[in-house]
PDB file of N, CA and C in Angstrom:
ATOM      1  N   MET A   1     -24.554 -14.984 -73.987  1.00  0.00           N
ATOM      2  CA  MET A   1     -23.529 -15.636 -74.776  1.00  0.00           C
ATOM      3  C   MET A   1     -23.532 -17.148 -74.526  1.00  0.00           C
ATOM      4  N   LYS A   2     -23.751 -17.538 -73.248  1.00  0.00           N
ATOM      5  CA  LYS A   2     -23.778 -18.960 -72.904  1.00  0.00           C
ATOM      6  C   LYS A   2     -24.939 -19.667 -73.623  1.00  0.00           C
ATOM      7  N   ALA A   3     -26.083 -18.990 -73.707  1.00  0.00           N
ATOM      8  CA  ALA A   3     -27.234 -19.570 -74.392  1.00  0.00           C
ATOM      9  C   ALA A   3     -26.932 -19.782 -75.874  1.00  0.00           C
ATOM     10  N   LEU A   4     -26.225 -18.855 -76.486  1.00  0.00           N
ATOM     11  CA  LEU A   4     -25.858 -18.968 -77.891  1.00  0.00           C
ATOM     12  C   LEU A   4     -24.924 -20.157 -78.114  1.00  0.00           C
ATOM     13  N   LYS A   5     -23.957 -20.348 -77.213  1.00  0.00           N
ATOM     14  CA  LYS A   5     -23.051 -21.494 -77.315  1.00  0.00           C
ATOM     15  C   LYS A   5     -23.818 -22.809 -77.155  1.00  0.00           C
ATOM     16  N   THR A   6     -24.788 -22.835 -76.250  1.00  0.00           N
ATOM     17  CA  THR A   6     -25.599 -24.036 -76.020  1.00  0.00           C
ATOM     18  C   THR A   6     -26.409 -24.376 -77.272  1.00  0.00           C
ATOM     19  N   ILE A   7     -27.006 -23.367 -77.871  1.00  0.00           N
ATOM     20  CA  ILE A   7     -27.796 -23.581 -79.094  1.00  0.00           C
ATOM     21  C   ILE A   7     -26.901 -24.080 -80.220  1.00  0.00           C
ATOM     22  N   PHE A   8     -25.736 -23.472 -80.352  1.00  0.00           N
ATOM     23  CA  PHE A   8     -24.787 -23.871 -81.393  1.00  0.00           C
ATOM     24  C   PHE A   8     -24.354 -25.330 -81.186  1.00  0.00           C
ATOM     25  N   LEU A   9     -24.028 -25.694 -79.948  1.00  0.00           N
ATOM     26  CA  LEU A   9     -23.622 -27.065 -79.635  1.00  0.00           C
ATOM     27  C   LEU A   9     -24.756 -28.043 -79.922  1.00  0.00           C
ATOM     28  N   PHE A  10     -25.976 -27.664 -79.546  1.00  0.00           N
ATOM     29  CA  PHE A  10     -27.137 -28.505 -79.805  1.00  0.00           C
ATOM     30  C   PHE A  10     -27.319 -28.727 -81.309  1.00  0.00           C
ATOM     31  N   ALA A  11     -27.157 -27.682 -82.096  1.00  0.00           N
ATOM     32  CA  ALA A  11     -27.306 -27.786 -83.555  1.00  0.00           C
ATOM     33  C   ALA A  11     -26.263 -28.736 -84.147  1.00  0.00           C
ATOM     34  N   ILE A  12     -25.047 -28.643 -83.681  1.00  0.00           N
ATOM     35  CA  ILE A  12     -23.983 -29.529 -84.182  1.00  0.00           C
ATOM     36  C   ILE A  12     -24.269 -30.976 -83.809  1.00  0.00           C
ATOM     37  N   LEU A  13     -24.645 -31.216 -82.554  1.00  0.00           N
ATOM     38  CA  LEU A  13     -24.950 -32.585 -82.112  1.00  0.00           C
ATOM     39  C   LEU A  13     -26.144 -33.161 -82.872  1.00  0.00           C
ATOM     40  N   SER A  14     -27.163 -32.363 -83.094  1.00  0.00           N
ATOM     41  CA  SER A  14     -28.335 -32.822 -83.852  1.00  0.00           C
ATOM     42  C   SER A  14     -27.946 -33.213 -85.264  1.00  0.00           C
ATOM     43  N   SER A  15     -27.117 -32.393 -85.893  1.00  0.00           N
ATOM     44  CA  SER A  15     -26.655 -32.677 -87.253  1.00  0.00           C
ATOM     45  C   SER A  15     -25.865 -33.981 -87.305  1.00  0.00           C
ATOM     46  N   LEU A  16     -24.998 -34.188 -86.317  1.00  0.00           N
ATOM     47  CA  LEU A  16     -24.209 -35.425 -86.267  1.00  0.00           C
ATOM     48  C   LEU A  16     -25.093 -36.640 -86.053  1.00  0.00           C
ATOM     49  N   MET A  17     -26.118 -36.510 -85.210  1.00  0.00           N
ATOM     50  CA  MET A  17     -27.023 -37.635 -84.951  1.00  0.00           C
ATOM     51  C   MET A  17     -27.779 -38.011 -86.215  1.00  0.00           C
ATOM     52  N   VAL A  18     -28.261 -37.038 -86.948  1.00  0.00           N
ATOM     53  CA  VAL A  18     -28.978 -37.315 -88.199  1.00  0.00           C
ATOM     54  C   VAL A  18     -28.056 -38.009 -89.184  1.00  0.00           C
ATOM     55  N   SER A  19     -26.833 -37.516 -89.301  1.00  0.00           N
ATOM     56  CA  SER A  19     -25.867 -38.101 -90.223  1.00  0.00           C
ATOM     57  C   SER A  19     -25.561 -39.550 -89.855  1.00  0.00           C
ATOM     58  N   CYS A  20     -25.337 -39.811 -88.566  1.00  0.00           N
ATOM     59  CA  CYS A  20     -25.033 -41.174 -88.113  1.00  0.00           C
ATOM     60  C   CYS A  20     -26.232 -42.088 -88.318  1.00  0.00           C
ATOM     61  N   THR A  21     -27.432 -41.602 -88.042  1.00  0.00           N
ATOM     62  CA  THR A  21     -28.638 -42.409 -88.212  1.00  0.00           C
ATOM     63  C   THR A  21     -28.814 -42.799 -89.665  1.00  0.00           C
ATOM     64  N   GLN A  22     -28.562 -41.869 -90.582  1.00  0.00           N
ATOM     65  CA  GLN A  22     -28.703 -42.167 -92.003  1.00  0.00           C
ATOM     66  C   GLN A  22     -27.701 -43.222 -92.444  1.00  0.00           C
ATOM     67  N   LYS A  23     -26.521 -43.256 -91.872  1.00  0.00           N
ATOM     68  CA  LYS A  23     -25.512 -44.232 -92.247  1.00  0.00           C
ATOM     69  C   LYS A  23     -25.784 -45.599 -91.646  1.00  0.00           C
ATOM     70  N   MET A  24     -26.431 -45.627 -90.476  1.00  0.00           N
ATOM     71  CA  MET A  24     -26.663 -46.880 -89.779  1.00  0.00           C
ATOM     72  C   MET A  24     -27.915 -47.594 -90.255  1.00  0.00           C
ATOM     73  N   HIS A  25     -28.888 -46.848 -90.719  1.00  0.00           N
ATOM     74  CA  HIS A  25     -30.161 -47.444 -91.106  1.00  0.00           C
ATOM     75  C   HIS A  25     -30.326 -47.418 -92.620  1.00  0.00           C
ATOM     76  N   PRO A  26     -30.959 -48.470 -93.150  1.00  0.00           N
ATOM     77  CA  PRO A  26     -31.161 -48.512 -94.594  1.00  0.00           C
ATOM     78  C   PRO A  26     -32.062 -47.391 -95.075  1.00  0.00           C
ATOM     79  N   THR A  27     -31.943 -47.086 -96.346  1.00  0.00           N
ATOM     80  CA  THR A  27     -32.811 -46.097 -96.959  1.00  0.00           C
ATOM     81  C   THR A  27     -33.735 -46.804 -97.934  1.00  0.00           C
ATOM     82  N   SER A  28     -34.965 -46.353 -98.008  1.00  0.00           N
ATOM     83  CA  SER A  28     -35.956 -46.988 -98.863  1.00  0.00           C
ATOM     84  C   SER A  28     -36.080 -46.232-100.174  1.00  0.00           C
ATOM     85  N   SER A  29     -36.510 -46.945-101.182  1.00  0.00           N
ATOM     86  CA  SER A  29     -36.759 -46.304-102.464  1.00  0.00           C
ATOM     87  C   SER A  29     -38.218 -46.468-102.835  1.00  0.00           C
ATOM     88  N   LYS A  30     -38.627 -45.809-103.875  1.00  0.00           N
ATOM     89  CA  LYS A  30     -40.003 -45.847-104.346  1.00  0.00           C
ATOM     90  C   LYS A  30     -40.458 -47.265-104.667  1.00  0.00           C
ATOM     91  N   ALA A  31     -39.575 -48.076-105.154  1.00  0.00           N
ATOM     92  CA  ALA A  31     -39.938 -49.430-105.567  1.00  0.00           C
ATOM     93  C   ALA A  31     -40.117 -50.372-104.391  1.00  0.00           C
ATOM     94  N   GLY A  32     -39.945 -49.903-103.171  1.00  0.00           N
ATOM     95  CA  GLY A  32     -40.134 -50.765-102.022  1.00  0.00           C
ATOM     96  C   GLY A  32     -38.923 -51.631-101.749  1.00  0.00           C
ATOM     97  N   THR A  33     -37.778 -51.146-102.110  1.00  0.00           N
ATOM     98  CA  THR A  33     -36.556 -51.885-101.843  1.00  0.00           C
ATOM     99  C   THR A  33     -35.727 -51.124-100.836  1.00  0.00           C
ATOM    100  N   VAL A  34     -34.814 -51.826-100.220  1.00  0.00           N
ATOM    101  CA  VAL A  34     -33.933 -51.206 -99.245  1.00  0.00           C
ATOM    102  C   VAL A  34     -32.507 -51.457 -99.671  1.00  0.00           C
ATOM    103  N   THR A  35     -31.697 -50.443 -99.579  1.00  0.00           N
ATOM    104  CA  THR A  35     -30.271 -50.632 -99.813  1.00  0.00           C
ATOM    105  C   THR A  35     -29.528 -50.188 -98.579  1.00  0.00           C
ATOM    106  N   ASP A  36     -28.659 -51.030 -98.085  1.00  0.00           N
ATOM    107  CA  ASP A  36     -27.835 -50.703 -96.938  1.00  0.00           C
ATOM    108  C   ASP A  36     -26.607 -49.972 -97.456  1.00  0.00           C
ATOM    109  N   GLN A  37     -26.335 -48.806 -96.915  1.00  0.00           N
ATOM    110  CA  GLN A  37     -25.231 -48.000 -97.413  1.00  0.00           C
ATOM    111  C   GLN A  37     -23.877 -48.646 -97.178  1.00  0.00           C
ATOM    112  N   ASN A  38     -23.813 -49.630 -96.260  1.00  0.00           N
ATOM    113  CA  ASN A  38     -22.549 -50.298 -95.980  1.00  0.00           C
ATOM    114  C   ASN A  38     -22.349 -51.543 -96.835  1.00  0.00           C
ATOM    115  N   VAL A  39     -23.380 -51.993 -97.504  1.00  0.00           N
ATOM    116  CA  VAL A  39     -23.313 -53.186 -98.347  1.00  0.00           C
ATOM    117  C   VAL A  39     -23.775 -52.788 -99.745  1.00  0.00           C
ATOM    118  N   GLN A  40     -23.077 -53.251-100.738  1.00  0.00           N
ATOM    119  CA  GLN A  40     -23.458 -52.955-102.114  1.00  0.00           C
ATOM    120  C   GLN A  40     -24.601 -53.880-102.501  1.00  0.00           C
ATOM    121  N   SER A  41     -25.840 -53.440-102.366  1.00  0.00           N
ATOM    122  CA  SER A  41     -27.010 -54.250-102.693  1.00  0.00           C
ATOM    123  C   SER A  41     -27.315 -54.127-104.174  1.00  0.00           C
ATOM    124  N   ASP A  42     -26.701 -55.007-104.955  1.00  0.00           N
ATOM    125  CA  ASP A  42     -26.909 -54.952-106.399  1.00  0.00           C
ATOM    126  C   ASP A  42     -27.671 -56.169-106.918  1.00  0.00           C
ATOM    127  N   GLY A  43     -28.054 -57.078-106.012  1.00  0.00           N
ATOM    128  CA  GLY A  43     -28.819 -58.244-106.418  1.00  0.00           C
ATOM    129  C   GLY A  43     -27.990 -59.363-107.013  1.00  0.00           C
ATOM    130  N   SER A  44     -26.677 -59.285-106.907  1.00  0.00           N
ATOM    131  CA  SER A  44     -25.810 -60.274-107.562  1.00  0.00           C
ATOM    132  C   SER A  44     -25.605 -61.554-106.756  1.00  0.00           C
ATOM    133  N   SER A  45     -26.060 -61.588-105.515  1.00  0.00           N
ATOM    134  CA  SER A  45     -25.889 -62.777-104.671  1.00  0.00           C
ATOM    135  C   SER A  45     -26.871 -62.697-103.506  1.00  0.00           C
ATOM    136  N   TYR A  46     -26.917 -63.772-102.712  1.00  0.00           N
ATOM    137  CA  TYR A  46     -27.750 -63.730-101.511  1.00  0.00           C
ATOM    138  C   TYR A  46     -27.304 -62.596-100.587  1.00  0.00           C
ATOM    139  N   GLU A  47     -26.011 -62.461-100.412  1.00  0.00           N
ATOM    140  CA  GLU A  47     -25.482 -61.443 -99.517  1.00  0.00           C
ATOM    141  C   GLU A  47     -25.741 -60.024-100.018  1.00  0.00           C
ATOM    142  N   LYS A  48     -25.901 -59.868-101.314  1.00  0.00           N
ATOM    143  CA  LYS A  48     -26.137 -58.549-101.906  1.00  0.00           C
ATOM    144  C   LYS A  48     -27.548 -58.437-102.481  1.00  0.00           C
ATOM    145  N   ALA A  49     -28.454 -59.255-101.955  1.00  0.00           N
ATOM    146  CA  ALA A  49     -29.827 -59.289-102.470  1.00  0.00           C
ATOM    147  C   ALA A  49     -30.530 -57.948-102.277  1.00  0.00           C
ATOM    148  N   ILE A  50     -31.440 -57.672-103.184  1.00  0.00           N
ATOM    149  CA  ILE A  50     -32.300 -56.499-103.077  1.00  0.00           C
ATOM    150  C   ILE A  50     -33.388 -56.855-102.071  1.00  0.00           C
ATOM    151  N   ILE A  51     -33.502 -56.081-101.019  1.00  0.00           N
ATOM    152  CA  ILE A  51     -34.500 -56.351 -99.981  1.00  0.00           C
ATOM    153  C   ILE A  51     -35.784 -55.634-100.351  1.00  0.00           C
ATOM    154  N   ILE A  52     -36.845 -56.407-100.509  1.00  0.00           N
ATOM    155  CA  ILE A  52     -38.143 -55.835-100.829  1.00  0.00           C
ATOM    156  C   ILE A  52     -38.880 -55.568 -99.517  1.00  0.00           C
ATOM    157  N   THR A  53     -39.333 -54.343 -99.317  1.00  0.00           N
ATOM    158  CA  THR A  53     -39.956 -53.962 -98.047  1.00  0.00           C
ATOM    159  C   THR A  53     -41.476 -53.983 -98.080  1.00  0.00           C
ATOM    160  N   LYS A  54     -42.055 -54.243 -99.230  1.00  0.00           N
ATOM    161  CA  LYS A  54     -43.513 -54.294 -99.326  1.00  0.00           C
ATOM    162  C   LYS A  54     -44.040 -55.415 -98.438  1.00  0.00           C
ATOM    163  N   LYS A  55     -45.291 -55.291 -98.005  1.00  0.00           N
ATOM    164  CA  LYS A  55     -45.846 -56.223 -97.028  1.00  0.00           C
ATOM    165  C   LYS A  55     -46.848 -57.231 -97.598  1.00  0.00           C
ATOM    166  N   SER A  56     -47.174 -57.118 -98.881  1.00  0.00           N
ATOM    167  CA  SER A  56     -48.074 -58.098 -99.494  1.00  0.00           C
ATOM    168  C   SER A  56     -47.407 -58.667-100.737  1.00  0.00           C
ATOM    169  N   GLU A  57     -47.835 -59.876-101.113  1.00  0.00           N
ATOM    170  CA  GLU A  57     -47.224 -60.514-102.283  1.00  0.00           C
ATOM    171  C   GLU A  57     -47.452 -59.711-103.557  1.00  0.00           C
ATOM    172  N   THR A  58     -48.643 -59.180-103.715  1.00  0.00           N
ATOM    173  CA  THR A  58     -48.947 -58.404-104.918  1.00  0.00           C
ATOM    174  C   THR A  58     -48.005 -57.205-105.049  1.00  0.00           C
ATOM    175  N   GLU A  59     -47.863 -56.447-103.978  1.00  0.00           N
ATOM    176  CA  GLU A  59     -46.982 -55.276-104.010  1.00  0.00           C
ATOM    177  C   GLU A  59     -45.516 -55.681-104.090  1.00  0.00           C
ATOM    178  N   GLY A  60     -45.156 -56.780-103.407  1.00  0.00           N
ATOM    179  CA  GLY A  60     -43.767 -57.235-103.395  1.00  0.00           C
ATOM    180  C   GLY A  60     -43.281 -57.668-104.762  1.00  0.00           C
ATOM    181  N   VAL A  61     -44.092 -58.465-105.440  1.00  0.00           N
ATOM    182  CA  VAL A  61     -43.720 -58.925-106.784  1.00  0.00           C
ATOM    183  C   VAL A  61     -43.626 -57.725-107.730  1.00  0.00           C
ATOM    184  N   ALA A  62     -44.578 -56.801-107.617  1.00  0.00           N
ATOM    185  CA  ALA A  62     -44.540 -55.594-108.454  1.00  0.00           C
ATOM    186  C   ALA A  62     -43.258 -54.801-108.189  1.00  0.00           C
ATOM    187  N   ALA A  63     -42.816 -54.746-106.929  1.00  0.00           N
ATOM    188  CA  ALA A  63     -41.587 -54.018-106.580  1.00  0.00           C
ATOM    189  C   ALA A  63     -40.359 -54.681-107.200  1.00  0.00           C
ATOM    190  N   GLU A  64     -40.355 -56.007-107.281  1.00  0.00           N
ATOM    191  CA  GLU A  64     -39.243 -56.708-107.924  1.00  0.00           C
ATOM    192  C   GLU A  64     -39.121 -56.277-109.387  1.00  0.00           C
ATOM    193  N   TYR A  65     -40.241 -56.307-110.088  1.00  0.00           N
ATOM    194  CA  TYR A  65     -40.222 -55.954-111.508  1.00  0.00           C
ATOM    195  C   TYR A  65     -39.935 -54.469-111.718  1.00  0.00           C
ATOM    196  N   GLU A  66     -40.390 -53.636-110.807  1.00  0.00           N
ATOM    197  CA  GLU A  66     -40.093 -52.200-110.887  1.00  0.00           C
ATOM    198  C   GLU A  66     -38.586 -51.979-110.722  1.00  0.00           C
ATOM    199  N   TRP A  67     -37.965 -52.715-109.788  1.00  0.00           N
ATOM    200  CA  TRP A  67     -36.521 -52.582-109.588  1.00  0.00           C
ATOM    201  C   TRP A  67     -35.780 -53.018-110.853  1.00  0.00           C
ATOM    202  N   LEU A  68     -36.187 -54.147-111.429  1.00  0.00           N
ATOM    203  CA  LEU A  68     -35.536 -54.613-112.665  1.00  0.00           C
ATOM    204  C   LEU A  68     -35.687 -53.590-113.781  1.00  0.00           C
ATOM    205  N   LYS A  69     -36.880 -53.060-113.918  1.00  0.00           N
ATOM    206  CA  LYS A  69     -37.143 -52.076-114.971  1.00  0.00           C
ATOM    207  C   LYS A  69     -36.272 -50.828-114.802  1.00  0.00           C
ATOM    208  N   SER A  70     -36.081 -50.396-113.550  1.00  0.00           N
ATOM    209  CA  SER A  70     -35.300 -49.176-113.330  1.00  0.00           C
ATOM    210  C   SER A  70     -33.792 -49.412-113.423  1.00  0.00           C
ATOM    211  N   HIS A  71     -33.343 -50.652-113.226  1.00  0.00           N
ATOM    212  CA  HIS A  71     -31.904 -50.939-113.282  1.00  0.00           C
ATOM    213  C   HIS A  71     -31.460 -51.627-114.577  1.00  0.00           C
ATOM    214  N   TYR A  72     -32.385 -52.277-115.261  1.00  0.00           N
ATOM    215  CA  TYR A  72     -32.067 -52.990-116.512  1.00  0.00           C
ATOM    216  C   TYR A  72     -33.150 -52.709-117.550  1.00  0.00           C
ATOM    217  N   THR A  73     -33.300 -51.450-117.903  1.00  0.00           N
ATOM    218  CA  THR A  73     -34.311 -51.046-118.873  1.00  0.00           C
ATOM    219  C   THR A  73     -34.209 -51.905-120.129  1.00  0.00           C
ATOM    220  N   GLY A  74     -35.355 -52.426-120.560  1.00  0.00           N
ATOM    221  CA  GLY A  74     -35.387 -53.230-121.773  1.00  0.00           C
ATOM    222  C   GLY A  74     -34.963 -54.681-121.595  1.00  0.00           C
ATOM    223  N   TYR A  75     -34.791 -55.137-120.351  1.00  0.00           N
ATOM    224  CA  TYR A  75     -34.372 -56.518-120.100  1.00  0.00           C
ATOM    225  C   TYR A  75     -35.404 -57.512-120.617  1.00  0.00           C
ATOM    226  N   LYS A  76     -34.982 -58.733-120.830  1.00  0.00           N
ATOM    227  CA  LYS A  76     -35.905 -59.814-121.193  1.00  0.00           C
ATOM    228  C   LYS A  76     -35.917 -60.793-120.030  1.00  0.00           C
ATOM    229  N   MET A  77     -37.109 -61.156-119.622  1.00  0.00           N
ATOM    230  CA  MET A  77     -37.279 -62.058-118.482  1.00  0.00           C
ATOM    231  C   MET A  77     -37.011 -63.498-118.892  1.00  0.00           C
ATOM    232  N   GLY A  78     -36.278 -64.191-118.066  1.00  0.00           N
ATOM    233  CA  GLY A  78     -36.049 -65.622-118.235  1.00  0.00           C
ATOM    234  C   GLY A  78     -36.878 -66.362-117.207  1.00  0.00           C
ATOM    235  N   ASP A  79     -36.281 -67.379-116.601  1.00  0.00           N
ATOM    236  CA  ASP A  79     -37.022 -68.114-115.589  1.00  0.00           C
ATOM    237  C   ASP A  79     -36.816 -67.483-114.212  1.00  0.00           C
ATOM    238  N   GLN A  80     -37.563 -68.011-113.259  1.00  0.00           N
ATOM    239  CA  GLN A  80     -37.552 -67.486-111.901  1.00  0.00           C
ATOM    240  C   GLN A  80     -37.588 -68.666-110.948  1.00  0.00           C
ATOM    241  N   SER A  81     -36.882 -68.537-109.824  1.00  0.00           N
ATOM    242  CA  SER A  81     -36.938 -69.607-108.838  1.00  0.00           C
ATOM    243  C   SER A  81     -37.087 -69.035-107.442  1.00  0.00           C
ATOM    244  N   LEU A  82     -37.738 -69.814-106.592  1.00  0.00           N
ATOM    245  CA  LEU A  82     -37.911 -69.473-105.194  1.00  0.00           C
ATOM    246  C   LEU A  82     -36.948 -70.347-104.407  1.00  0.00           C
ATOM    247  N   THR A  83     -36.097 -69.744-103.598  1.00  0.00           N
ATOM    248  CA  THR A  83     -35.120 -70.501-102.820  1.00  0.00           C
ATOM    249  C   THR A  83     -35.175 -70.071-101.361  1.00  0.00           C
ATOM    250  N   ASN A  84     -34.469 -70.812-100.530  1.00  0.00           N
ATOM    251  CA  ASN A  84     -34.355 -70.481 -99.124  1.00  0.00           C
ATOM    252  C   ASN A  84     -32.878 -70.450 -98.784  1.00  0.00           C
ATOM    253  N   TYR A  85     -32.442 -69.386 -98.132  1.00  0.00           N
ATOM    254  CA  TYR A  85     -31.038 -69.237 -97.769  1.00  0.00           C
ATOM    255  C   TYR A  85     -30.963 -68.653 -96.367  1.00  0.00           C
ATOM    256  N   LYS A  86     -30.306 -69.367 -95.482  1.00  0.00           N
ATOM    257  CA  LYS A  86     -30.166 -68.942 -94.085  1.00  0.00           C
ATOM    258  C   LYS A  86     -31.509 -68.585 -93.470  1.00  0.00           C
ATOM    259  N   GLY A  87     -32.516 -69.413 -93.755  1.00  0.00           N
ATOM    260  CA  GLY A  87     -33.829 -69.241 -93.149  1.00  0.00           C
ATOM    261  C   GLY A  87     -34.709 -68.174 -93.745  1.00  0.00           C
ATOM    262  N   LYS A  88     -34.303 -67.586 -94.869  1.00  0.00           N
ATOM    263  CA  LYS A  88     -35.103 -66.542 -95.516  1.00  0.00           C
ATOM    264  C   LYS A  88     -35.461 -66.963 -96.935  1.00  0.00           C
ATOM    265  N   PRO A  89     -36.658 -66.569 -97.398  1.00  0.00           N
ATOM    266  CA  PRO A  89     -37.026 -66.845 -98.784  1.00  0.00           C
ATOM    267  C   PRO A  89     -36.446 -65.797 -99.739  1.00  0.00           C
ATOM    268  N   TYR A  90     -36.025 -66.273-100.892  1.00  0.00           N
ATOM    269  CA  TYR A  90     -35.467 -65.401-101.932  1.00  0.00           C
ATOM    270  C   TYR A  90     -36.078 -65.763-103.275  1.00  0.00           C
ATOM    271  N   ASP A  91     -36.302 -64.761-104.086  1.00  0.00           N
ATOM    272  CA  ASP A  91     -36.618 -64.954-105.492  1.00  0.00           C
ATOM    273  C   ASP A  91     -35.328 -64.717-106.261  1.00  0.00           C
ATOM    274  N   ILE A  92     -35.039 -65.596-107.208  1.00  0.00           N
ATOM    275  CA  ILE A  92     -33.920 -65.377-108.119  1.00  0.00           C
ATOM    276  C   ILE A  92     -34.518 -65.265-109.507  1.00  0.00           C
ATOM    277  N   LEU A  93     -34.368 -64.107-110.112  1.00  0.00           N
ATOM    278  CA  LEU A  93     -34.900 -63.866-111.446  1.00  0.00           C
ATOM    279  C   LEU A  93     -33.752 -63.852-112.442  1.00  0.00           C
ATOM    280  N   ASN A  94     -33.884 -64.656-113.467  1.00  0.00           N
ATOM    281  CA  ASN A  94     -32.879 -64.715-114.530  1.00  0.00           C
ATOM    282  C   ASN A  94     -33.341 -63.813-115.663  1.00  0.00           C
ATOM    283  N   ILE A  95     -32.477 -62.873-116.010  1.00  0.00           N
ATOM    284  CA  ILE A  95     -32.816 -61.919-117.066  1.00  0.00           C
ATOM    285  C   ILE A  95     -31.695 -61.882-118.100  1.00  0.00           C
ATOM    286  N   THR A  96     -32.027 -61.317-119.242  1.00  0.00           N
ATOM    287  CA  THR A  96     -31.031 -61.013-120.262  1.00  0.00           C
ATOM    288  C   THR A  96     -31.095 -59.514-120.487  1.00  0.00           C
ATOM    289  N   THR A  97     -29.942 -58.846-120.328  1.00  0.00           N
ATOM    290  CA  THR A  97     -29.899 -57.401-120.501  1.00  0.00           C
ATOM    291  C   THR A  97     -29.982 -57.055-121.986  1.00  0.00           C
ATOM    292  N   THR A  98     -30.150 -55.779-122.276  1.00  0.00           N
ATOM    293  CA  THR A  98     -30.266 -55.339-123.669  1.00  0.00           C
ATOM    294  C   THR A  98     -28.997 -55.611-124.468  1.00  0.00           C
ATOM    295  N   ASN A  99     -27.853 -55.746-123.791  1.00  0.00           N
ATOM    296  CA  ASN A  99     -26.613 -56.066-124.515  1.00  0.00           C
ATOM    297  C   ASN A  99     -26.341 -57.577-124.549  1.00  0.00           C
ATOM    298  N   GLY A 100     -27.364 -58.371-124.189  1.00  0.00           N
ATOM    299  CA  GLY A 100     -27.267 -59.824-124.307  1.00  0.00           C
ATOM    300  C   GLY A 100     -26.637 -60.542-123.125  1.00  0.00           C
ATOM    301  N   LYS A 101     -26.303 -59.825-122.068  1.00  0.00           N
ATOM    302  CA  LYS A 101     -25.681 -60.444-120.902  1.00  0.00           C
ATOM    303  C   LYS A 101     -26.742 -61.097-120.020  1.00  0.00           C
ATOM    304  N   LYS A 102     -26.501 -62.360-119.653  1.00  0.00           N
ATOM    305  CA  LYS A 102     -27.423 -63.067-118.769  1.00  0.00           C
ATOM    306  C   LYS A 102     -27.032 -62.785-117.325  1.00  0.00           C
ATOM    307  N   LYS A 103     -28.057 -62.508-116.490  1.00  0.00           N
ATOM    308  CA  LYS A 103     -27.820 -62.187-115.084  1.00  0.00           C
ATOM    309  C   LYS A 103     -28.838 -62.893-114.207  1.00  0.00           C
ATOM    310  N   GLU A 104     -28.384 -63.263-113.010  1.00  0.00           N
ATOM    311  CA  GLU A 104     -29.281 -63.711-111.956  1.00  0.00           C
ATOM    312  C   GLU A 104     -29.414 -62.551-110.988  1.00  0.00           C
ATOM    313  N   VAL A 105     -30.651 -62.186-110.647  1.00  0.00           N
ATOM    314  CA  VAL A 105     -30.879 -61.090-109.713  1.00  0.00           C
ATOM    315  C   VAL A 105     -31.614 -61.663-108.498  1.00  0.00           C
ATOM    316  N   TYR A 106     -31.012 -61.463-107.317  1.00  0.00           N
ATOM    317  CA  TYR A 106     -31.521 -62.011-106.068  1.00  0.00           C
ATOM    318  C   TYR A 106     -32.346 -60.963-105.326  1.00  0.00           C
ATOM    319  N   PHE A 107     -33.530 -61.387-104.864  1.00  0.00           N
ATOM    320  CA  PHE A 107     -34.407 -60.534-104.074  1.00  0.00           C
ATOM    321  C   PHE A 107     -34.736 -61.221-102.758  1.00  0.00           C
ATOM    322  N   ASP A 108     -34.533 -60.523-101.653  1.00  0.00           N
ATOM    323  CA  ASP A 108     -34.952 -60.993-100.332  1.00  0.00           C
ATOM    324  C   ASP A 108     -36.437 -60.658-100.219  1.00  0.00           C
ATOM    325  N   ILE A 109     -37.275 -61.682-100.161  1.00  0.00           N
ATOM    326  CA  ILE A 109     -38.719 -61.465-100.165  1.00  0.00           C
ATOM    327  C   ILE A 109     -39.359 -61.794 -98.807  1.00  0.00           C
ATOM    328  N   SER A 110     -38.545 -61.834 -97.772  1.00  0.00           N
ATOM    329  CA  SER A 110     -39.042 -62.234 -96.448  1.00  0.00           C
ATOM    330  C   SER A 110     -40.085 -61.277 -95.868  1.00  0.00           C
ATOM    331  N   ASN A 111     -40.117 -60.042 -96.301  1.00  0.00           N
ATOM    332  CA  ASN A 111     -41.108 -59.094 -95.791  1.00  0.00           C
ATOM    333  C   ASN A 111     -42.509 -59.341 -96.336  1.00  0.00           C
ATOM    334  N   PHE A 112     -42.627 -59.988 -97.491  1.00  0.00           N
ATOM    335  CA  PHE A 112     -43.954 -60.182 -98.062  1.00  0.00           C
ATOM    336  C   PHE A 112     -44.292 -61.630 -98.393  1.00  0.00           C
ATOM    337  N   PHE A 113     -43.340 -62.521 -98.465  1.00  0.00           N
ATOM    338  CA  PHE A 113     -43.612 -63.887 -98.920  1.00  0.00           C
ATOM    339  C   PHE A 113     -44.658 -64.555 -98.020  1.00  0.00           C
ATOM    340  N   GLY A 114     -45.709 -65.069 -98.654  1.00  0.00           N
ATOM    341  CA  GLY A 114     -46.790 -65.748 -97.934  1.00  0.00           C
ATOM    342  C   GLY A 114     -47.829 -64.814 -97.327  1.00  0.00           C
ATOM    343  N   LYS A 115     -47.728 -63.521 -97.634  1.00  0.00           N
ATOM    344  CA  LYS A 115     -48.672 -62.531 -97.085  1.00  0.00           C
ATOM    345  C   LYS A 115     -49.492 -61.946 -98.230  1.00  0.00           C
ATOM    346  N   PHE A 116     -50.781 -62.087 -98.150  1.00  0.00           N
ATOM    347  CA  PHE A 116     -51.629 -61.625 -99.233  1.00  0.00           C
ATOM    348  C   PHE A 116     -52.272 -60.347 -98.912  1.00  0.00           C
TER     349      PHE A 116
END
């Protein structure tokens, strides 16, 4: 009976550890972006920038456009700028959504910027 209680306790603790780890660490998506579950990463500002996790410029830039395509299907691309904020490089892409709304979308590109 004691062994059964130990196994049950171990199972509960393991489940709690997995749950806590998932909440504390970002989750990755197919497009090579990271969203922190505690911060609304919608690309609307530096603080809410989409973090690109790809390690080369080619893959990183492709991940930016993949994210835009999946979140703003049919968008029209405007201009783009490279900026620096708090020691990190960011791409700001200006788009027009299908309903005509102009948006600036911020991407944290520190994982791939300058890496070929």
